[in-house]
Amino acid sequence: MKAIALLRTRVVHSETAFAELVLWRLPKPAAGSAHGFKYRLAYVVNGVCVVRYDNETGKGDHRHFDGEETAYVFSTPDRLIADFERDIERWNHENRDA
Protein backbone atom coordinates (compact mmCIF):
# COMPACT_ATOMS: atom_id res chain seq x y z
CA MET A 1 0.00 0.00 0.00
CA LYS A 2 1.25 3.48 -0.83
CA ALA A 3 0.73 6.57 1.28
CA ILE A 4 -2.76 7.98 0.73
CA ALA A 5 -3.34 11.74 0.84
CA LEU A 6 -6.32 12.40 3.11
CA LEU A 7 -6.19 16.18 3.34
CA ARG A 8 -4.37 19.01 1.63
CA THR A 9 -5.90 22.43 2.04
CA ARG A 10 -5.09 26.06 2.68
CA VAL A 11 -7.49 28.14 4.77
CA VAL A 12 -7.18 31.91 4.49
CA HIS A 13 -7.84 33.59 7.84
CA SER A 14 -7.06 37.15 6.80
CA GLU A 15 -4.96 39.15 4.35
CA THR A 16 -1.90 38.32 6.47
CA ALA A 17 -2.70 34.86 7.88
CA PHE A 18 -3.43 31.38 6.56
CA ALA A 19 -3.41 27.77 7.74
CA GLU A 20 -2.12 24.86 5.68
CA LEU A 21 -3.19 21.33 6.59
CA VAL A 22 -1.60 18.23 5.04
CA LEU A 23 -2.38 14.69 6.22
CA TRP A 24 -1.52 11.25 4.79
CA ARG A 25 -2.35 7.68 5.84
CA LEU A 26 0.82 5.59 5.71
CA PRO A 27 1.17 1.84 5.17
CA LYS A 28 3.19 1.70 8.42
CA PRO A 29 4.05 4.24 11.13
CA ALA A 30 6.77 6.80 10.38
CA ALA A 31 9.92 6.51 12.48
CA GLY A 32 9.22 8.04 15.88
CA SER A 33 5.42 7.67 15.66
CA ALA A 34 3.20 4.83 16.86
CA HIS A 35 0.37 5.49 14.37
CA GLY A 36 -0.06 5.29 10.60
CA PHE A 37 -0.42 8.99 9.82
CA LYS A 38 1.99 11.64 8.57
CA TYR A 39 0.95 15.26 9.01
CA ARG A 40 2.00 18.88 8.80
CA LEU A 41 -0.36 21.59 9.99
CA ALA A 42 0.92 25.16 9.98
CA TYR A 43 -0.52 28.57 10.81
CA VAL A 44 1.41 31.42 9.20
CA VAL A 45 1.02 35.10 10.11
CA ASN A 46 2.90 37.84 8.27
CA GLY A 47 5.13 35.20 6.69
CA VAL A 48 6.08 33.60 10.02
CA CYS A 49 4.93 30.13 11.11
CA VAL A 50 3.55 30.73 14.62
CA VAL A 51 1.75 27.39 15.18
CA ARG A 52 2.78 24.03 13.70
CA TYR A 53 1.95 20.42 14.39
CA ASP A 54 4.01 17.74 12.65
CA ASN A 55 5.61 14.34 13.01
CA GLU A 56 8.86 14.75 11.17
CA THR A 57 10.50 11.38 10.49
CA GLY A 58 12.61 10.35 13.46
CA LYS A 59 11.38 13.22 15.62
CA GLY A 60 7.88 11.95 16.38
CA ASP A 61 4.72 13.87 17.17
CA HIS A 62 5.27 17.42 18.36
CA ARG A 63 3.92 20.94 18.16
CA HIS A 64 5.44 24.37 17.83
CA PHE A 65 3.64 27.27 19.48
CA ASP A 66 5.02 30.78 19.29
CA GLY A 67 8.64 29.60 19.05
CA GLU A 68 8.49 26.75 21.59
CA GLU A 69 8.49 23.05 20.69
CA THR A 70 6.71 20.48 22.89
CA ALA A 71 5.72 16.83 22.55
CA TYR A 72 2.24 16.13 21.21
CA VAL A 73 0.18 13.03 21.98
CA PHE A 74 -1.56 12.03 18.74
CA SER A 75 -4.87 10.17 19.11
CA THR A 76 -6.94 10.72 15.93
CA PRO A 77 -6.84 12.99 12.88
CA ASP A 78 -10.02 14.75 14.08
CA ARG A 79 -8.48 15.45 17.50
CA LEU A 80 -5.28 16.69 15.82
CA ILE A 81 -7.20 19.20 13.72
CA ALA A 82 -9.30 20.31 16.71
CA ASP A 83 -6.14 20.86 18.81
CA PHE A 84 -4.54 22.80 15.95
CA GLU A 85 -7.61 25.02 15.52
CA ARG A 86 -7.72 25.62 19.29
CA ASP A 87 -4.07 26.75 19.21
CA ILE A 88 -4.80 29.11 16.30
CA GLU A 89 -7.60 30.70 18.35
CA ARG A 90 -5.30 30.90 21.39
CA TRP A 91 -2.47 32.49 19.38
CA ASN A 92 -4.84 35.03 17.82
CA HIS A 93 -6.29 35.87 21.24
CA GLU A 94 -2.86 36.26 22.87
CA ASN A 95 -1.57 38.40 20.00
CA ARG A 96 -4.66 40.46 19.17
CA ASP A 97 -2.92 43.70 20.16
CA ALA A 98 0.27 43.02 18.22
PDB file of N, CA and C in Angstrom:
ATOM      1  N   MET A   1       0.838  -1.183   0.000  1.00  0.00           N
ATOM      2  CA  MET A   1       0.000   0.000   0.000  1.00  0.00           C
ATOM      3  C   MET A   1       0.882   1.245   0.000  1.00  0.00           C
ATOM      4  N   LYS A   2       0.548   2.201  -0.808  1.00  0.00           N
ATOM      5  CA  LYS A   2       1.250   3.484  -0.827  1.00  0.00           C
ATOM      6  C   LYS A   2       0.614   4.433   0.181  1.00  0.00           C
ATOM      7  N   ALA A   3       1.313   5.518   0.451  1.00  0.00           N
ATOM      8  CA  ALA A   3       0.729   6.569   1.282  1.00  0.00           C
ATOM      9  C   ALA A   3      -0.474   7.151   0.552  1.00  0.00           C
ATOM     10  N   ILE A   4      -1.533   7.434   1.303  1.00  0.00           N
ATOM     11  CA  ILE A   4      -2.759   7.985   0.732  1.00  0.00           C
ATOM     12  C   ILE A   4      -2.964   9.384   1.293  1.00  0.00           C
ATOM     13  N   ALA A   5      -3.069  10.372   0.410  1.00  0.00           N
ATOM     14  CA  ALA A   5      -3.339  11.744   0.838  1.00  0.00           C
ATOM     15  C   ALA A   5      -4.785  11.830   1.317  1.00  0.00           C
ATOM     16  N   LEU A   6      -4.984  12.254   2.546  1.00  0.00           N
ATOM     17  CA  LEU A   6      -6.319  12.402   3.109  1.00  0.00           C
ATOM     18  C   LEU A   6      -6.784  13.849   3.117  1.00  0.00           C
ATOM     19  N   LEU A   7      -5.840  14.767   3.227  1.00  0.00           N
ATOM     20  CA  LEU A   7      -6.195  16.183   3.339  1.00  0.00           C
ATOM     21  C   LEU A   7      -5.035  17.029   2.850  1.00  0.00           C
ATOM     22  N   ARG A   8      -5.352  18.008   2.039  1.00  0.00           N
ATOM     23  CA  ARG A   8      -4.370  19.011   1.628  1.00  0.00           C
ATOM     24  C   ARG A   8      -5.160  20.263   1.305  1.00  0.00           C
ATOM     25  N   THR A   9      -5.102  21.226   2.222  1.00  0.00           N
ATOM     26  CA  THR A   9      -5.902  22.430   2.045  1.00  0.00           C
ATOM     27  C   THR A   9      -5.213  23.637   2.659  1.00  0.00           C
ATOM     28  N   ARG A  10      -5.561  24.784   2.137  1.00  0.00           N
ATOM     29  CA  ARG A  10      -5.094  26.057   2.685  1.00  0.00           C
ATOM     30  C   ARG A  10      -6.336  26.857   3.040  1.00  0.00           C
ATOM     31  N   VAL A  11      -6.366  27.361   4.271  1.00  0.00           N
ATOM     32  CA  VAL A  11      -7.493  28.138   4.767  1.00  0.00           C
ATOM     33  C   VAL A  11      -7.003  29.551   5.029  1.00  0.00           C
ATOM     34  N   VAL A  12      -7.562  30.513   4.310  1.00  0.00           N
ATOM     35  CA  VAL A  12      -7.177  31.913   4.491  1.00  0.00           C
ATOM     36  C   VAL A  12      -7.956  32.473   5.675  1.00  0.00           C
ATOM     37  N   HIS A  13      -7.223  32.999   6.654  1.00  0.00           N
ATOM     38  CA  HIS A  13      -7.841  33.587   7.842  1.00  0.00           C
ATOM     39  C   HIS A  13      -7.971  35.094   7.718  1.00  0.00           C
ATOM     40  N   SER A  14      -7.033  35.705   7.011  1.00  0.00           N
ATOM     41  CA  SER A  14      -7.065  37.153   6.798  1.00  0.00           C
ATOM     42  C   SER A  14      -6.089  37.473   5.675  1.00  0.00           C
ATOM     43  N   GLU A  15      -5.919  38.751   5.389  1.00  0.00           N
ATOM     44  CA  GLU A  15      -4.959  39.152   4.354  1.00  0.00           C
ATOM     45  C   GLU A  15      -3.530  38.775   4.724  1.00  0.00           C
ATOM     46  N   THR A  16      -3.271  38.581   6.013  1.00  0.00           N
ATOM     47  CA  THR A  16      -1.905  38.316   6.470  1.00  0.00           C
ATOM     48  C   THR A  16      -1.730  36.955   7.141  1.00  0.00           C
ATOM     49  N   ALA A  17      -2.784  36.132   7.163  1.00  0.00           N
ATOM     50  CA  ALA A  17      -2.699  34.856   7.882  1.00  0.00           C
ATOM     51  C   ALA A  17      -3.421  33.738   7.131  1.00  0.00           C
ATOM     52  N   PHE A  18      -2.799  32.559   7.151  1.00  0.00           N
ATOM     53  CA  PHE A  18      -3.428  31.376   6.561  1.00  0.00           C
ATOM     54  C   PHE A  18      -2.966  30.134   7.314  1.00  0.00           C
ATOM     55  N   ALA A  19      -3.770  29.079   7.185  1.00  0.00           N
ATOM     56  CA  ALA A  19      -3.412  27.771   7.743  1.00  0.00           C
ATOM     57  C   ALA A  19      -3.282  26.793   6.584  1.00  0.00           C
ATOM     58  N   GLU A  20      -2.294  25.919   6.673  1.00  0.00           N
ATOM     59  CA  GLU A  20      -2.124  24.862   5.684  1.00  0.00           C
ATOM     60  C   GLU A  20      -2.159  23.541   6.422  1.00  0.00           C
ATOM     61  N   LEU A  21      -3.019  22.629   5.957  1.00  0.00           N
ATOM     62  CA  LEU A  21      -3.188  21.328   6.591  1.00  0.00           C
ATOM     63  C   LEU A  21      -2.909  20.241   5.571  1.00  0.00           C
ATOM     64  N   VAL A  22      -1.976  19.345   5.908  1.00  0.00           N
ATOM     65  CA  VAL A  22      -1.601  18.230   5.044  1.00  0.00           C
ATOM     66  C   VAL A  22      -1.575  16.971   5.914  1.00  0.00           C
ATOM     67  N   LEU A  23      -2.277  15.923   5.452  1.00  0.00           N
ATOM     68  CA  LEU A  23      -2.385  14.689   6.223  1.00  0.00           C
ATOM     69  C   LEU A  23      -2.399  13.498   5.275  1.00  0.00           C
ATOM     70  N   TRP A  24      -1.573  12.487   5.577  1.00  0.00           N
ATOM     71  CA  TRP A  24      -1.519  11.253   4.793  1.00  0.00           C
ATOM     72  C   TRP A  24      -1.755  10.065   5.715  1.00  0.00           C
ATOM     73  N   ARG A  25      -2.313   8.987   5.160  1.00  0.00           N
ATOM     74  CA  ARG A  25      -2.352   7.683   5.839  1.00  0.00           C
ATOM     75  C   ARG A  25      -1.186   6.888   5.260  1.00  0.00           C
ATOM     76  N   LEU A  26      -0.360   6.338   6.128  1.00  0.00           N
ATOM     77  CA  LEU A  26       0.822   5.591   5.714  1.00  0.00           C
ATOM     78  C   LEU A  26       0.583   4.083   5.828  1.00  0.00           C
ATOM     79  N   PRO A  27       1.307   3.293   5.051  1.00  0.00           N
ATOM     80  CA  PRO A  27       1.175   1.837   5.174  1.00  0.00           C
ATOM     81  C   PRO A  27       1.719   1.312   6.496  1.00  0.00           C
ATOM     82  N   LYS A  28       2.654   2.054   7.098  1.00  0.00           N
ATOM     83  CA  LYS A  28       3.186   1.699   8.423  1.00  0.00           C
ATOM     84  C   LYS A  28       3.609   3.000   9.098  1.00  0.00           C
ATOM     85  N   PRO A  29       3.700   3.001  10.420  1.00  0.00           N
ATOM     86  CA  PRO A  29       4.052   4.238  11.129  1.00  0.00           C
ATOM     87  C   PRO A  29       5.410   4.800  10.686  1.00  0.00           C
ATOM     88  N   ALA A  30       5.500   6.118  10.647  1.00  0.00           N
ATOM     89  CA  ALA A  30       6.771   6.796  10.379  1.00  0.00           C
ATOM     90  C   ALA A  30       7.679   6.619  11.596  1.00  0.00           C
ATOM     91  N   ALA A  31       8.967   6.643  11.378  1.00  0.00           N
ATOM     92  CA  ALA A  31       9.920   6.514  12.480  1.00  0.00           C
ATOM     93  C   ALA A  31       9.622   7.570  13.545  1.00  0.00           C
ATOM     94  N   GLY A  32       9.492   7.131  14.780  1.00  0.00           N
ATOM     95  CA  GLY A  32       9.224   8.042  15.884  1.00  0.00           C
ATOM     96  C   GLY A  32       7.749   8.177  16.230  1.00  0.00           C
ATOM     97  N   SER A  33       6.860   7.605  15.398  1.00  0.00           N
ATOM     98  CA  SER A  33       5.421   7.669  15.660  1.00  0.00           C
ATOM     99  C   SER A  33       4.864   6.256  15.817  1.00  0.00           C
ATOM    100  N   ALA A  34       3.806   6.138  16.619  1.00  0.00           N
ATOM    101  CA  ALA A  34       3.198   4.828  16.858  1.00  0.00           C
ATOM    102  C   ALA A  34       1.910   4.639  16.055  1.00  0.00           C
ATOM    103  N   HIS A  35       1.604   5.534  15.144  1.00  0.00           N
ATOM    104  CA  HIS A  35       0.365   5.488  14.368  1.00  0.00           C
ATOM    105  C   HIS A  35       0.692   5.590  12.879  1.00  0.00           C
ATOM    106  N   GLY A  36      -0.280   5.316  12.048  1.00  0.00           N
ATOM    107  CA  GLY A  36      -0.058   5.292  10.603  1.00  0.00           C
ATOM    108  C   GLY A  36      -0.420   6.561   9.872  1.00  0.00           C
ATOM    109  N   PHE A  37      -0.130   7.713  10.466  1.00  0.00           N
ATOM    110  CA  PHE A  37      -0.420   8.994   9.819  1.00  0.00           C
ATOM    111  C   PHE A  37       0.843   9.843   9.761  1.00  0.00           C
ATOM    112  N   LYS A  38       0.928  10.633   8.726  1.00  0.00           N
ATOM    113  CA  LYS A  38       1.987  11.636   8.568  1.00  0.00           C
ATOM    114  C   LYS A  38       1.256  12.956   8.386  1.00  0.00           C
ATOM    115  N   TYR A  39       1.682  13.994   9.094  1.00  0.00           N
ATOM    116  CA  TYR A  39       0.947  15.255   9.011  1.00  0.00           C
ATOM    117  C   TYR A  39       1.862  16.465   9.173  1.00  0.00           C
ATOM    118  N   ARG A  40       1.351  17.570   8.649  1.00  0.00           N
ATOM    119  CA  ARG A  40       1.996  18.876   8.799  1.00  0.00           C
ATOM    120  C   ARG A  40       0.872  19.908   8.773  1.00  0.00           C
ATOM    121  N   LEU A  41       0.653  20.557   9.893  1.00  0.00           N
ATOM    122  CA  LEU A  41      -0.359  21.593   9.994  1.00  0.00           C
ATOM    123  C   LEU A  41       0.353  22.864  10.433  1.00  0.00           C
ATOM    124  N   ALA A  42       0.195  23.926   9.679  1.00  0.00           N
ATOM    125  CA  ALA A  42       0.924  25.162   9.984  1.00  0.00           C
ATOM    126  C   ALA A  42      -0.003  26.361   9.900  1.00  0.00           C
ATOM    127  N   TYR A  43       0.189  27.288  10.816  1.00  0.00           N
ATOM    128  CA  TYR A  43      -0.518  28.571  10.806  1.00  0.00           C
ATOM    129  C   TYR A  43       0.540  29.649  10.643  1.00  0.00           C
ATOM    130  N   VAL A  44       0.407  30.430   9.570  1.00  0.00           N
ATOM    131  CA  VAL A  44       1.411  31.418   9.199  1.00  0.00           C
ATOM    132  C   VAL A  44       0.790  32.812   9.270  1.00  0.00           C
ATOM    133  N   VAL A  45       1.473  33.714   9.966  1.00  0.00           N
ATOM    134  CA  VAL A  45       1.016  35.099  10.114  1.00  0.00           C
ATOM    135  C   VAL A  45       2.150  36.021   9.705  1.00  0.00           C
ATOM    136  N   ASN A  46       1.880  36.902   8.770  1.00  0.00           N
ATOM    137  CA  ASN A  46       2.896  37.842   8.267  1.00  0.00           C
ATOM    138  C   ASN A  46       4.165  37.111   7.841  1.00  0.00           C
ATOM    139  N   GLY A  47       3.995  35.954   7.206  1.00  0.00           N
ATOM    140  CA  GLY A  47       5.126  35.199   6.693  1.00  0.00           C
ATOM    141  C   GLY A  47       5.887  34.376   7.714  1.00  0.00           C
ATOM    142  N   VAL A  48       5.409  34.341   8.952  1.00  0.00           N
ATOM    143  CA  VAL A  48       6.083  33.601  10.022  1.00  0.00           C
ATOM    144  C   VAL A  48       5.166  32.478  10.510  1.00  0.00           C
ATOM    145  N   CYS A  49       5.691  31.257  10.589  1.00  0.00           N
ATOM    146  CA  CYS A  49       4.926  30.135  11.112  1.00  0.00           C
ATOM    147  C   CYS A  49       4.879  30.257  12.637  1.00  0.00           C
ATOM    148  N   VAL A  50       3.680  30.500  13.183  1.00  0.00           N
ATOM    149  CA  VAL A  50       3.546  30.725  14.621  1.00  0.00           C
ATOM    150  C   VAL A  50       2.960  29.519  15.354  1.00  0.00           C
ATOM    151  N   VAL A  51       2.277  28.633  14.617  1.00  0.00           N
ATOM    152  CA  VAL A  51       1.753  27.389  15.183  1.00  0.00           C
ATOM    153  C   VAL A  51       2.011  26.286  14.160  1.00  0.00           C
ATOM    154  N   ARG A  52       2.580  25.157  14.613  1.00  0.00           N
ATOM    155  CA  ARG A  52       2.780  24.030  13.699  1.00  0.00           C
ATOM    156  C   ARG A  52       2.695  22.726  14.477  1.00  0.00           C
ATOM    157  N   TYR A  53       2.005  21.783  13.887  1.00  0.00           N
ATOM    158  CA  TYR A  53       1.951  20.416  14.391  1.00  0.00           C
ATOM    159  C   TYR A  53       2.537  19.542  13.296  1.00  0.00           C
ATOM    160  N   ASP A  54       3.460  18.658  13.646  1.00  0.00           N
ATOM    161  CA  ASP A  54       4.008  17.741  12.649  1.00  0.00           C
ATOM    162  C   ASP A  54       4.633  16.537  13.333  1.00  0.00           C
ATOM    163  N   ASN A  55       4.912  15.528  12.510  1.00  0.00           N
ATOM    164  CA  ASN A  55       5.607  14.339  13.009  1.00  0.00           C
ATOM    165  C   ASN A  55       6.733  14.002  12.039  1.00  0.00           C
ATOM    166  N   GLU A  56       7.668  14.901  12.002  1.00  0.00           N
ATOM    167  CA  GLU A  56       8.860  14.747  11.173  1.00  0.00           C
ATOM    168  C   GLU A  56       9.505  13.387  11.440  1.00  0.00           C
ATOM    169  N   THR A  57       9.907  12.713  10.375  1.00  0.00           N
ATOM    170  CA  THR A  57      10.500  11.379  10.489  1.00  0.00           C
ATOM    171  C   THR A  57      11.652  11.383  11.494  1.00  0.00           C
ATOM    172  N   GLY A  58      11.581  10.476  12.447  1.00  0.00           N
ATOM    173  CA  GLY A  58      12.613  10.350  13.464  1.00  0.00           C
ATOM    174  C   GLY A  58      12.415  11.247  14.664  1.00  0.00           C
ATOM    175  N   LYS A  59      11.584  12.266  14.532  1.00  0.00           N
ATOM    176  CA  LYS A  59      11.379  13.216  15.615  1.00  0.00           C
ATOM    177  C   LYS A  59      10.088  12.935  16.378  1.00  0.00           C
ATOM    178  N   GLY A  60       9.144  12.280  15.728  1.00  0.00           N
ATOM    179  CA  GLY A  60       7.883  11.952  16.379  1.00  0.00           C
ATOM    180  C   GLY A  60       6.907  13.119  16.411  1.00  0.00           C
ATOM    181  N   ASP A  61       5.804  12.888  17.091  1.00  0.00           N
ATOM    182  CA  ASP A  61       4.722  13.869  17.169  1.00  0.00           C
ATOM    183  C   ASP A  61       5.117  15.027  18.073  1.00  0.00           C
ATOM    184  N   HIS A  62       4.963  16.243  17.548  1.00  0.00           N
ATOM    185  CA  HIS A  62       5.271  17.422  18.357  1.00  0.00           C
ATOM    186  C   HIS A  62       4.551  18.636  17.788  1.00  0.00           C
ATOM    187  N   ARG A  63       4.560  19.694  18.582  1.00  0.00           N
ATOM    188  CA  ARG A  63       3.923  20.940  18.163  1.00  0.00           C
ATOM    189  C   ARG A  63       4.858  22.104  18.462  1.00  0.00           C
ATOM    190  N   HIS A  64       4.717  23.119  17.650  1.00  0.00           N
ATOM    191  CA  HIS A  64       5.440  24.374  17.832  1.00  0.00           C
ATOM    192  C   HIS A  64       4.382  25.431  18.103  1.00  0.00           C
ATOM    193  N   PHE A  65       4.566  26.185  19.162  1.00  0.00           N
ATOM    194  CA  PHE A  65       3.635  27.268  19.476  1.00  0.00           C
ATOM    195  C   PHE A  65       4.437  28.488  19.861  1.00  0.00           C
ATOM    196  N   ASP A  66       4.376  29.492  19.006  1.00  0.00           N
ATOM    197  CA  ASP A  66       5.019  30.782  19.289  1.00  0.00           C
ATOM    198  C   ASP A  66       6.501  30.612  19.648  1.00  0.00           C
ATOM    199  N   GLY A  67       7.198  29.753  18.881  1.00  0.00           N
ATOM    200  CA  GLY A  67       8.637  29.603  19.048  1.00  0.00           C
ATOM    201  C   GLY A  67       9.072  28.487  19.981  1.00  0.00           C
ATOM    202  N   GLU A  68       8.134  27.840  20.684  1.00  0.00           N
ATOM    203  CA  GLU A  68       8.491  26.751  21.592  1.00  0.00           C
ATOM    204  C   GLU A  68       8.009  25.424  21.032  1.00  0.00           C
ATOM    205  N   GLU A  69       8.836  24.387  21.154  1.00  0.00           N
ATOM    206  CA  GLU A  69       8.492  23.051  20.689  1.00  0.00           C
ATOM    207  C   GLU A  69       8.212  22.149  21.881  1.00  0.00           C
ATOM    208  N   THR A  70       7.077  21.419  21.830  1.00  0.00           N
ATOM    209  CA  THR A  70       6.713  20.481  22.885  1.00  0.00           C
ATOM    210  C   THR A  70       6.209  19.184  22.251  1.00  0.00           C
ATOM    211  N   ALA A  71       6.253  18.117  23.028  1.00  0.00           N
ATOM    212  CA  ALA A  71       5.722  16.834  22.554  1.00  0.00           C
ATOM    213  C   ALA A  71       4.213  16.960  22.379  1.00  0.00           C
ATOM    214  N   TYR A  72       3.688  16.177  21.444  1.00  0.00           N
ATOM    215  CA  TYR A  72       2.244  16.132  21.212  1.00  0.00           C
ATOM    216  C   TYR A  72       1.804  14.678  21.232  1.00  0.00           C
ATOM    217  N   VAL A  73       0.717  14.387  21.921  1.00  0.00           N
ATOM    218  CA  VAL A  73       0.176  13.027  21.983  1.00  0.00           C
ATOM    219  C   VAL A  73      -0.918  12.901  20.934  1.00  0.00           C
ATOM    220  N   PHE A  74      -0.608  12.222  19.840  1.00  0.00           N
ATOM    221  CA  PHE A  74      -1.563  12.031  18.744  1.00  0.00           C
ATOM    222  C   PHE A  74      -2.557  10.944  19.130  1.00  0.00           C
ATOM    223  N   SER A  75      -3.857  11.208  18.878  1.00  0.00           N
ATOM    224  CA  SER A  75      -4.867  10.171  19.106  1.00  0.00           C
ATOM    225  C   SER A  75      -5.631   9.867  17.823  1.00  0.00           C
ATOM    226  N   THR A  76      -6.203  10.893  17.180  1.00  0.00           N
ATOM    227  CA  THR A  76      -6.941  10.717  15.928  1.00  0.00           C
ATOM    228  C   THR A  76      -6.717  11.941  15.048  1.00  0.00           C
ATOM    229  N   PRO A  77      -6.936  11.808  13.747  1.00  0.00           N
ATOM    230  CA  PRO A  77      -6.840  12.989  12.879  1.00  0.00           C
ATOM    231  C   PRO A  77      -7.824  14.095  13.280  1.00  0.00           C
ATOM    232  N   ASP A  78      -9.041  13.729  13.670  1.00  0.00           N
ATOM    233  CA  ASP A  78     -10.021  14.745  14.078  1.00  0.00           C
ATOM    234  C   ASP A  78      -9.554  15.507  15.311  1.00  0.00           C
ATOM    235  N   ARG A  79      -8.991  14.795  16.284  1.00  0.00           N
ATOM    236  CA  ARG A  79      -8.482  15.452  17.496  1.00  0.00           C
ATOM    237  C   ARG A  79      -7.294  16.355  17.160  1.00  0.00           C
ATOM    238  N   LEU A  80      -6.430  15.892  16.267  1.00  0.00           N
ATOM    239  CA  LEU A  80      -5.279  16.692  15.820  1.00  0.00           C
ATOM    240  C   LEU A  80      -5.745  18.025  15.253  1.00  0.00           C
ATOM    241  N   ILE A  81      -6.703  17.974  14.358  1.00  0.00           N
ATOM    242  CA  ILE A  81      -7.200  19.199  13.720  1.00  0.00           C
ATOM    243  C   ILE A  81      -7.885  20.097  14.748  1.00  0.00           C
ATOM    244  N   ALA A  82      -8.650  19.515  15.659  1.00  0.00           N
ATOM    245  CA  ALA A  82      -9.297  20.310  16.710  1.00  0.00           C
ATOM    246  C   ALA A  82      -8.264  20.990  17.604  1.00  0.00           C
ATOM    247  N   ASP A  83      -7.205  20.274  17.986  1.00  0.00           N
ATOM    248  CA  ASP A  83      -6.144  20.863  18.815  1.00  0.00           C
ATOM    249  C   ASP A  83      -5.444  21.990  18.068  1.00  0.00           C
ATOM    250  N   PHE A  84      -5.178  21.782  16.788  1.00  0.00           N
ATOM    251  CA  PHE A  84      -4.539  22.801  15.953  1.00  0.00           C
ATOM    252  C   PHE A  84      -5.416  24.053  15.876  1.00  0.00           C
ATOM    253  N   GLU A  85      -6.698  23.873  15.609  1.00  0.00           N
ATOM    254  CA  GLU A  85      -7.613  25.017  15.523  1.00  0.00           C
ATOM    255  C   GLU A  85      -7.714  25.746  16.856  1.00  0.00           C
ATOM    256  N   ARG A  86      -7.688  25.000  17.957  1.00  0.00           N
ATOM    257  CA  ARG A  86      -7.717  25.619  19.291  1.00  0.00           C
ATOM    258  C   ARG A  86      -6.466  26.477  19.504  1.00  0.00           C
ATOM    259  N   ASP A  87      -5.301  25.977  19.063  1.00  0.00           N
ATOM    260  CA  ASP A  87      -4.073  26.752  19.213  1.00  0.00           C
ATOM    261  C   ASP A  87      -4.065  27.990  18.320  1.00  0.00           C
ATOM    262  N   ILE A  88      -4.677  27.918  17.155  1.00  0.00           N
ATOM    263  CA  ILE A  88      -4.800  29.105  16.305  1.00  0.00           C
ATOM    264  C   ILE A  88      -5.627  30.164  17.032  1.00  0.00           C
ATOM    265  N   GLU A  89      -6.759  29.758  17.592  1.00  0.00           N
ATOM    266  CA  GLU A  89      -7.599  30.696  18.354  1.00  0.00           C
ATOM    267  C   GLU A  89      -6.829  31.282  19.526  1.00  0.00           C
ATOM    268  N   ARG A  90      -6.096  30.431  20.242  1.00  0.00           N
ATOM    269  CA  ARG A  90      -5.304  30.902  21.387  1.00  0.00           C
ATOM    270  C   ARG A  90      -4.253  31.907  20.934  1.00  0.00           C
ATOM    271  N   TRP A  91      -3.518  31.587  19.856  1.00  0.00           N
ATOM    272  CA  TRP A  91      -2.474  32.490  19.383  1.00  0.00           C
ATOM    273  C   TRP A  91      -3.085  33.828  18.971  1.00  0.00           C
ATOM    274  N   ASN A  92      -4.186  33.786  18.242  1.00  0.00           N
ATOM    275  CA  ASN A  92      -4.843  35.028  17.818  1.00  0.00           C
ATOM    276  C   ASN A  92      -5.311  35.843  19.016  1.00  0.00           C
ATOM    277  N   HIS A  93      -5.841  35.174  20.037  1.00  0.00           N
ATOM    278  CA  HIS A  93      -6.290  35.867  21.238  1.00  0.00           C
ATOM    279  C   HIS A  93      -5.110  36.521  21.975  1.00  0.00           C
ATOM    280  N   GLU A  94      -4.021  35.752  22.129  1.00  0.00           N
ATOM    281  CA  GLU A  94      -2.864  36.264  22.874  1.00  0.00           C
ATOM    282  C   GLU A  94      -2.116  37.348  22.112  1.00  0.00           C
ATOM    283  N   ASN A  95      -2.298  37.432  20.805  1.00  0.00           N
ATOM    284  CA  ASN A  95      -1.568  38.401  19.995  1.00  0.00           C
ATOM    285  C   ASN A  95      -2.476  39.405  19.302  1.00  0.00           C
ATOM    286  N   ARG A  96      -3.682  39.576  19.809  1.00  0.00           N
ATOM    287  CA  ARG A  96      -4.661  40.458  19.171  1.00  0.00           C
ATOM    288  C   ARG A  96      -4.227  41.925  19.171  1.00  0.00           C
ATOM    289  N   ASP A  97      -3.369  42.309  20.090  1.00  0.00           N
ATOM    290  CA  ASP A  97      -2.921  43.703  20.159  1.00  0.00           C
ATOM    291  C   ASP A  97      -1.596  43.944  19.458  1.00  0.00           C
ATOM    292  N   ALA A  98      -1.048  42.895  18.858  1.00  0.00           N
ATOM    293  CA  ALA A  98       0.272  43.022  18.215  1.00  0.00           C
ATOM    294  C   ALA A  98       0.165  43.705  16.861  1.00  0.00           C
TER     295      ALA A  98
END
